[in-house]
Protein backbone atom coordinates (compact mmCIF):
# COMPACT_ATOMS: atom_id res chain seq x y z
CA MET A 1 15.85 -29.03 0.84
CA GLN A 2 16.70 -25.58 2.08
CA ASP A 3 14.41 -23.17 3.85
CA LYS A 4 12.64 -20.49 1.85
CA PRO A 5 14.97 -17.82 0.54
CA SER A 6 14.36 -14.37 1.92
CA THR A 7 15.38 -12.42 -1.17
CA ASN A 8 11.88 -12.35 -2.65
CA SER A 9 10.03 -11.99 0.63
CA THR A 10 8.42 -8.70 1.57
CA GLY A 11 6.00 -7.56 4.19
CA ALA A 12 7.27 -9.08 7.41
CA SER A 13 10.07 -6.53 7.64
CA SER A 14 7.77 -3.60 6.87
CA CYS A 15 4.73 -4.84 8.80
CA PRO A 16 6.00 -6.77 11.84
CA VAL A 17 3.08 -8.06 13.85
CA ASN A 18 2.80 -10.43 16.77
CA HIS A 19 1.63 -13.96 15.97
CA SER A 20 -1.22 -13.55 18.45
CA VAL A 21 -2.99 -11.35 15.92
CA TRP A 22 -3.34 -14.27 13.51
CA SER A 23 -3.20 -17.26 15.85
CA SER A 24 -6.98 -17.66 15.87
CA ILE A 25 -7.31 -16.93 12.16
CA ILE A 26 -4.54 -18.68 10.25
CA PRO A 27 -3.14 -22.10 11.25
CA SER A 28 0.42 -21.99 12.54
CA ASP A 29 3.05 -24.03 10.74
CA THR A 30 6.35 -25.09 12.20
CA GLU A 31 7.12 -27.86 9.71
CA LYS A 32 9.09 -27.58 6.50
CA GLU A 33 7.68 -25.29 3.83
CA PRO A 34 7.92 -25.59 0.04
CA VAL A 35 10.03 -23.13 -1.89
CA PRO A 36 7.70 -21.29 -4.28
CA GLN A 37 9.42 -19.52 -7.16
CA TYR A 38 7.59 -16.29 -6.49
CA ILE A 39 6.91 -15.63 -2.82
CA THR A 40 5.86 -12.86 -0.48
CA THR A 41 4.49 -12.46 3.02
CA LEU A 42 0.89 -11.78 3.95
CA GLN A 43 -2.44 -12.89 2.42
CA GLN A 44 -6.02 -12.42 1.06
CA CYS A 45 -8.40 -10.85 -1.49
CA PRO A 46 -9.60 -7.58 -3.05
CA VAL A 47 -13.19 -6.35 -2.95
CA VAL A 48 -15.05 -4.63 -5.77
CA PRO A 49 -16.51 -1.12 -5.34
CA ASN A 50 -20.19 -0.63 -4.58
CA SER A 51 -20.73 0.71 -8.10
CA THR A 52 -20.24 -2.72 -9.67
CA VAL A 53 -24.01 -2.96 -10.14
CA THR A 54 -25.55 0.37 -11.08
CA THR A 55 -29.06 -0.38 -12.27
CA GLN A 56 -32.06 -1.95 -10.60
CA THR A 57 -32.54 -4.25 -13.58
CA GLN A 58 -29.04 -5.63 -13.22
CA ASP A 59 -29.56 -6.04 -9.47
CA GLN A 60 -32.70 -8.04 -10.05
CA LYS A 61 -30.98 -10.28 -12.59
CA ASN A 62 -28.11 -10.98 -10.22
CA ARG A 63 -30.45 -11.59 -7.30
CA GLN A 64 -32.36 -14.20 -9.30
CA ALA A 65 -29.21 -15.85 -10.62
CA ASN A 66 -27.42 -15.97 -7.29
CA THR A 67 -30.07 -16.67 -4.67
CA ASN A 68 -28.11 -19.56 -3.22
CA SER A 69 -24.65 -18.45 -4.30
CA GLU A 70 -21.82 -17.77 -1.88
CA ARG A 71 -18.19 -17.04 -2.59
CA GLU A 72 -15.58 -19.03 -0.69
CA GLY A 73 -12.70 -17.12 0.82
CA CYS A 74 -14.07 -13.70 1.83
CA GLY A 75 -17.53 -14.61 3.00
CA SER A 76 -20.45 -12.30 3.55
CA ASP A 77 -24.13 -12.36 4.30
CA SER A 78 -24.96 -10.70 0.96
CA LEU A 79 -25.67 -12.09 -2.48
CA ILE A 80 -22.92 -12.47 -5.05
CA ASN A 81 -22.60 -10.75 -8.43
CA ALA A 82 -22.07 -13.58 -10.93
CA SER A 83 -19.95 -11.42 -13.26
CA ASN A 84 -17.12 -10.96 -10.76
CA ASN A 85 -17.90 -13.16 -7.71
CA MET A 86 -18.24 -10.06 -5.54
CA LEU A 87 -20.80 -8.79 -3.07
CA LEU A 88 -23.85 -7.01 -4.42
CA TYR A 89 -24.30 -5.23 -1.11
CA PRO A 90 -21.17 -5.13 1.11
CA ASN A 91 -22.03 -5.62 4.78
CA GLN A 92 -20.96 -2.56 6.80
CA LYS A 93 -23.26 -3.21 9.77
CA GLN A 94 -21.90 -4.01 13.21
CA ALA A 95 -21.88 -7.72 13.99
CA LYS A 96 -23.93 -9.19 16.80
CA GLY A 97 -21.96 -8.99 20.03
CA GLN A 98 -19.34 -6.66 18.57
CA ARG A 99 -17.52 -4.88 21.41
CA ILE A 100 -16.17 -1.76 19.71
CA SER A 101 -16.91 0.21 16.56
CA LEU A 102 -14.77 -0.45 13.49
CA SER A 103 -13.93 1.78 10.58
CA THR A 104 -16.11 1.57 7.48
CA THR A 105 -13.56 3.43 5.34
CA ARG A 106 -12.35 1.54 2.27
CA GLU A 107 -8.99 2.01 0.56
CA LEU A 108 -8.49 2.19 -3.19
CA SER A 109 -6.20 -0.48 -4.63
CA ASN A 110 -3.81 -0.17 -7.56
CA ILE A 111 -5.51 -3.11 -9.27
CA PRO A 112 -7.53 -2.09 -12.35
CA ARG A 113 -10.84 -3.83 -12.86
CA VAL A 114 -12.99 -4.64 -15.86
CA ILE A 115 -16.12 -2.51 -16.18
CA GLY A 116 -19.01 -4.97 -16.10
CA ASN A 117 -22.16 -5.20 -18.20
CA GLY A 118 -24.83 -2.78 -17.05
CA GLU A 119 -22.28 -0.27 -15.76
CA SER A 120 -21.85 3.19 -17.14
CA THR A 121 -18.82 3.62 -19.41
CA SER A 122 -18.18 7.06 -17.90
CA VAL A 123 -17.04 5.79 -14.52
CA ASN A 124 -14.77 7.91 -12.34
CA ASN A 125 -11.24 6.97 -11.33
CA GLU A 126 -12.39 5.34 -8.09
CA GLU A 127 -14.64 2.99 -10.03
CA LYS A 128 -11.82 1.89 -12.35
CA VAL A 129 -9.97 0.03 -9.61
CA TRP A 130 -10.85 -2.56 -7.01
CA ILE A 131 -11.57 -1.27 -3.52
CA TYR A 132 -10.42 -3.11 -0.42
CA PRO A 133 -12.83 -4.03 2.40
CA SER A 134 -13.19 -1.86 5.46
CA GLU A 135 -12.34 -3.07 8.94
CA GLN A 136 -16.05 -3.69 9.54
CA MET A 137 -16.51 -5.66 6.32
CA PHE A 138 -13.47 -7.83 7.03
CA PHE A 139 -14.58 -8.45 10.61
CA ASN A 140 -18.06 -9.48 9.43
CA ALA A 141 -16.57 -11.86 6.88
CA MET A 142 -14.38 -13.52 9.51
CA LYS A 143 -17.28 -13.84 11.93
CA ARG A 144 -19.34 -15.56 9.27
CA LYS A 145 -16.50 -18.03 8.66
CA ASN A 146 -16.20 -18.69 12.43
CA TRP A 147 -12.58 -17.47 12.50
CA ASN A 148 -12.97 -15.87 15.94
CA PRO A 149 -11.55 -12.43 15.03
CA ARG A 150 -10.81 -9.70 17.54
CA GLU A 151 -11.94 -6.17 16.81
CA GLU A 152 -8.59 -4.74 17.93
CA ASP A 153 -6.73 -6.80 15.33
CA MET A 154 -8.53 -5.32 12.33
CA ARG A 155 -6.28 -2.25 12.23
CA VAL A 156 -3.35 -4.62 11.66
CA VAL A 157 -5.11 -7.22 9.51
CA ILE A 158 -6.43 -4.75 6.93
CA PRO A 159 -3.02 -3.24 5.97
CA MET A 160 -1.58 -6.75 5.70
CA HIS A 161 -4.53 -7.91 3.62
CA ASN A 162 -4.13 -4.97 1.25
CA ALA A 163 -0.36 -5.28 1.00
CA VAL A 164 -0.46 -8.90 -0.10
CA ASN A 165 -2.93 -8.14 -2.85
CA GLU A 166 -0.73 -5.36 -4.15
CA LYS A 167 2.22 -7.77 -4.13
CA ALA A 168 0.19 -10.49 -5.85
CA TRP A 169 -0.81 -8.07 -8.59
CA LYS A 170 2.80 -6.98 -9.05
CA GLU A 171 3.77 -10.63 -9.49
CA ILE A 172 1.05 -11.05 -12.10
CA LEU A 173 2.33 -7.95 -13.92
CA GLU A 174 5.80 -9.53 -14.00
CA TRP A 175 4.31 -12.52 -15.80
CA GLU A 176 2.34 -10.26 -18.13
CA LYS A 177 5.52 -8.46 -19.24
CA LEU A 178 6.13 -11.44 -21.51
CA HIS A 179 3.00 -10.57 -23.50
CA GLU A 180 2.48 -7.56 -25.72
CA ASN A 181 -0.47 -5.63 -24.35
CA LYS A 182 -1.87 -2.73 -26.34
CA CYS A 183 -5.10 -2.46 -24.38
CA GLY A 184 -3.96 -0.42 -21.42
CA GLY A 185 -2.56 -3.36 -19.48
CA PRO A 186 -4.22 -6.34 -17.78
CA LYS A 187 -7.25 -5.89 -15.54
CA LEU A 188 -8.63 -8.12 -12.82
CA ILE A 189 -12.04 -9.54 -13.75
CA LYS A 190 -12.74 -11.67 -10.69
CA PHE A 191 -11.21 -14.04 -8.18
CA GLN A 192 -12.36 -17.11 -6.32
CA GLY A 193 -11.21 -18.91 -3.21
CA LYS A 194 -10.45 -22.60 -3.76
CA ALA A 195 -8.86 -23.66 -0.51
CA LYS A 196 -10.00 -27.28 -0.92
CA ASN A 197 -8.68 -27.62 -4.49
CA ILE A 198 -5.02 -28.49 -4.08
CA THR A 199 -2.84 -27.81 -7.12
CA PRO A 200 -0.50 -30.46 -8.61
CA LYS A 201 2.50 -28.32 -7.65
CA ALA A 202 1.36 -28.14 -4.04
CA ARG A 203 0.70 -31.91 -4.06
CA LEU A 204 4.22 -32.53 -5.30
CA PHE A 205 5.73 -30.45 -2.52
CA ASN A 206 3.52 -32.29 -0.04
CA LEU A 207 4.84 -35.65 -1.26
CA LEU A 208 8.33 -34.30 -0.57
CA GLY A 209 7.36 -33.72 3.05
CA TYR A 210 6.16 -30.13 3.05
CA LYS A 211 2.87 -28.74 4.31
CA LEU A 212 0.01 -28.04 1.95
CA PRO A 213 -0.97 -24.39 1.39
CA PHE A 214 -3.63 -23.20 3.80
CA ASP A 215 -5.45 -21.30 1.07
CA ARG A 216 -5.66 -20.89 -2.68
CA HIS A 217 -7.13 -18.18 -4.89
CA ASP A 218 -7.67 -18.11 -8.64
CA TRP A 219 -7.48 -14.64 -10.16
CA VAL A 220 -8.98 -14.19 -13.64
CA ILE A 221 -7.57 -11.26 -15.59
CA ASP A 222 -8.43 -9.63 -18.90
CA ARG A 223 -5.57 -9.51 -21.40
CA CYS A 224 -6.87 -7.52 -24.38
CA GLY A 225 -10.21 -9.30 -24.28
CA LYS A 226 -8.78 -12.72 -23.43
CA GLN A 227 -9.45 -14.24 -20.01
CA VAL A 228 -6.34 -15.65 -18.32
CA THR A 229 -6.33 -17.42 -14.96
CA TYR A 230 -3.55 -17.14 -12.39
CA ILE A 231 -3.24 -19.43 -9.39
CA ILE A 232 -2.07 -18.16 -6.00
CA ASP A 233 -1.14 -20.68 -3.29
CA PHE A 234 -0.82 -19.29 0.24
CA TYR A 235 1.64 -20.81 2.70
CA SER A 236 2.35 -20.03 6.33
CA GLY A 237 6.07 -19.58 6.81
CA GLN A 238 8.80 -19.33 9.37
CA PRO A 239 9.39 -15.95 11.03
CA ASP A 240 12.06 -13.62 9.71
CA PRO A 241 15.12 -13.90 12.01
CA LYS A 242 15.33 -10.10 11.99
CA PHE A 243 11.74 -9.90 13.23
CA PRO A 244 11.11 -13.05 15.30
CA GLN A 245 7.69 -11.80 16.44
CA ALA A 246 6.51 -11.09 12.90
CA VAL A 247 3.97 -13.40 11.32
CA SER A 248 4.96 -14.61 7.86
CA PHE A 249 3.01 -15.85 4.88
CA TYR A 250 4.26 -16.87 1.44
CA LEU A 251 2.40 -16.98 -1.85
CA ASP A 252 3.20 -18.70 -5.11
CA VAL A 253 1.81 -16.90 -8.17
CA ARG A 254 1.78 -18.54 -11.61
CA PRO A 255 -0.49 -19.07 -14.64
CA ALA A 256 -3.02 -21.89 -14.42
CA LEU A 257 -1.75 -25.20 -15.80
CA THR A 258 -3.45 -25.06 -19.20
CA PHE A 259 -1.66 -25.55 -22.53
CA ASN A 260 -1.10 -21.81 -22.90
CA GLY A 261 -0.32 -21.52 -19.22
CA ALA A 262 2.35 -24.22 -19.52
CA LEU A 263 3.92 -22.36 -22.45
CA HIS A 264 3.81 -19.17 -20.40
CA ARG A 265 5.59 -20.88 -17.51
CA LEU A 266 8.25 -22.21 -19.90
CA ARG A 267 8.78 -18.74 -21.36
CA ARG A 268 9.14 -17.28 -17.88
CA TRP A 269 11.61 -20.00 -16.88
CA THR A 270 13.79 -19.40 -19.95
CA TYR A 271 13.52 -15.62 -19.50
CA ASP A 272 14.63 -15.82 -15.86
CA LEU A 273 17.42 -18.22 -16.79
CA LYS A 274 18.65 -15.80 -19.44
CA MET A 275 18.49 -12.80 -17.13
CA ASN A 276 20.34 -14.65 -14.37
CA TRP A 277 23.02 -15.73 -16.84
CA MET A 278 23.45 -12.15 -18.08
CA ASN A 279 23.81 -10.91 -14.54
């Protein structure tokens, strides 16, 4: 089996970063890697804007429903909003023992989100998209997960985190091109980390001698009122020969293996086969 092709990889060339930045965060991998059909470098998850819950009544409902709830993947010390698996109150406070101050500025994504129940329908443009975590929020999440982050690395980690989400969404949009969408395009409802739930595809690659993905996310999107789940497997990869010091991650994006998801995968396979034949 050949190494991963580099034609669909992005990120390492535009964001070269020394492995030491991630060595205490993401496990290194020098063994063979699987060859996902749709791959990219980098990793992680978007964060919803603070306006997700706008009324005290809704806050109280979510507090009661989620007293013991925590979301795997991008941890926090706050409660979770059950409608989208996101933080009710993002933690922007400095962590205990933190050596230097970190930015609390958050960047807007290009990922549209579904306006939840209890929210005003007259939201502004900033509230129509997901907002990425600040350096401080990301640092706090890593500390909670005992990932031993360094404050100095956050200025590198955050751009990489954001870039992979943009790439993941672009891959989802490629899949969604096969469906007629008259509702303004798909929107991300929620996502969930499922690192311990290995997919059949990843198991198959593992049986062939490749490493398992170090993380998995399920993204649930809205397609004209219908909820559709996409699976994203994250793999650590070999460095780009052009940038030997660059850390590399690969992700495999595809619809969940349901009946409709299987049909969607078949349609995508035949579509790609046709396009390759025409070219």
